[in-house]
Every structure is written in structure tokens, then in C-alpha cells.
Amino acid sequence: MKVTYVCFFILFIGCSSPKPEVAEERKPEIISLLGIEFFAPTSTQPKLDSNLFLAQKNFARDSSEENFIWLGRRTAYLTRYSEAIEIFSKGIVKYPNSVKLYRHRGHRYISQRKFDSAISDFEKAVELMNGVALEIEPDGQPNKLNTPLSNTQFNVWYHLGLAHYLKGDFVKAEDAYKQCMQVSDNNDLFIATADWLYMTFRRQNKTAEAEELLNSVQENMPIVENDSYYQRLMLYKGNIEVTDVLNPDPEAEDMDLALATQGYGVGNWYLYQKDTTKAREIFEKVVSGKHFSAFGFIAAEADLARLK
């Protein structure tokens, strides 16, 4: 009888003891073109967290197209790209003719290095925005003038050209950037488009077209937010030295972003000089930085993958 009691007690303990919790494995937000995994930061970011909370509150009250967009954008700013894409996708189900939802989802497909999916979204956006008047796009992170400078049509064509460029389809990238130039209606947009179009020309050995484009870029142009692109163009024109571009101002608001953007331009400059060894060295410096969602960072990845 005593033995029976002990066995029952042991069995009871075994059945009632809680199972140890297994921590859920974090999934990477990005697998780079070089096979490196990048994760969303786990630390709190008070300003971004606060903005997301407000977007969630607005969405809970009204699941409008705009609130879908801002919920997705605020989520993406926290590097939660998979979640943001899911939000945009749900928005597209409800608003299937939304140019802006396709534009923003396509952007985050680029962040995840899913270029074909991005191209599909931007091509759909092009179809939907045909004949629609230019519409200013609100900034998620205001510039120093607190004045939005870009428009929805610019962002669709610009990111479509970028997706083709990153994929290595420079013919289609050229077509998209030429369309983008038609809606680049201020200095900042012109400089951004000219920079990528110049690089696209050079990748196709269209040196005459590239030089003609450079001639349209003037010195001392007033630039609000695309200074890194302007610095690259000044380098290609021969107006500034490589060291000036590769070493951005340490007091810059986001030096990591400036390094990724300007560093990619320097790597390109070495490629144009046929110095692939130095170009590879610069591209590797760019991808050793922190700003893995920057377009210069992704482009450096793409070139390193091709060079290898």
C-alpha cells in the first residue's frame, strides 16, 4: 500500500509540473544578397514607438486607406518589414485601386531584397496612377524645412527604377528613371533621379548620355534632403575629392546613412576607373555599416554579389 502511494505521488508530480517555456525563435527581417541575416532591433525607440501607438489608435478607430498606410509605414520604421508588408497587403484587399498602398508595399519588398515582388507592385501602381494628377506624399520623418518635397508618382517611378537597378536590369532601370525625371519637379527630386540615372547610364557604358546628364547638374544648387546624392554627382563631375565623399560629416544627423549612400558612390567611382579591387574594398566597407536598409547598402550588396 505504501509503495502504491509513492508511485501515485511521483506520477502526479510528473503530470502536474508545468512544461518549461520555449522561447520563440526570432525570424530575420532580411536575408541579404550575401546571405547575412538582419533582425529588427529589440530595444525601445521612444519616438518611433509613440508614433506607432498613435497609428494603431487611429487605425482601430477607422481602417481608412490613409490609416492603413500610416500603420504600415510606422511599423516599417521599426524594421518590422514582414509585419508592415502584411498590413499593406490587407489594405490592398480592402482598397485594391490604391496606388499608395502598392507604392509602400513595393518599397518594403526592396528592403527585404525581394526585387521581383517590388517590381510587380510598382508596375501595378504605374497602371493605377495613369492620368492622375501629381500628389504630394507626406514625410514620415520630416526634413529640416518640415515641408514634404516628393510626390507619389515620383516615388513609384523612382523605386521601380531602383528595383530594376538592384536586380541588374539596367535597360528597364533607365526607362523608369527617364519617366521619373518627368515628375522630378524640384532640385531634390531632380538630384535623386539624376544620380541613379547617371549610374544606370554608366553601367551600360553610355558615357555620352552620362556626361550630358552631369552637365545639367549645377554647382551650389540648394538641396534640402538629398545632399548625399548631390555629393556623389559632384564626385562624378570631378568637383570634389574621393576622400571628401567617403568621409561624411561626423556631425551629420545620420552619419551611418550618409556613409552608406556616399560610400556606394565612391565604390562606383572606382568601378568607372576600372579598379574593381578598390571598388570591392569600398563596397565591403559600406556593408559593414549599420544602415542595412539604405539603398546604397543594398546596392553595394548587389555589386559585391556580382563581383564574386
Foldseek 3Di string as FASTA:
>chain_A
DVVVVVVVVVVVCVVPDDDDDDDDDFDFLAQALVRDGHHQDPDDDVVLVVQLVVLVVVCVVPVDLVSLLSNLVSCVVSVNLVVSLVSLVVSCVVVVLDLSSLLVNLLSCVLRVVLVSSLVSLVSSCVSCVPPDWAFDQDPDAFPVSDGQDTSLLSSLLSNLLSCVLVVNLVVSLVSLVVSCVRNPDDQSNLSSLLSNLLSCVSVVVVVVNVVSLVVLDPPDDYTPNVLSNVLSCVVVVNDDLVDQCQDDPPDPDVLLSNLSSLLSSLSVCVSVVNNVVSLVSLVVNCVTDCSSHSSVSSSSSVNSVVD
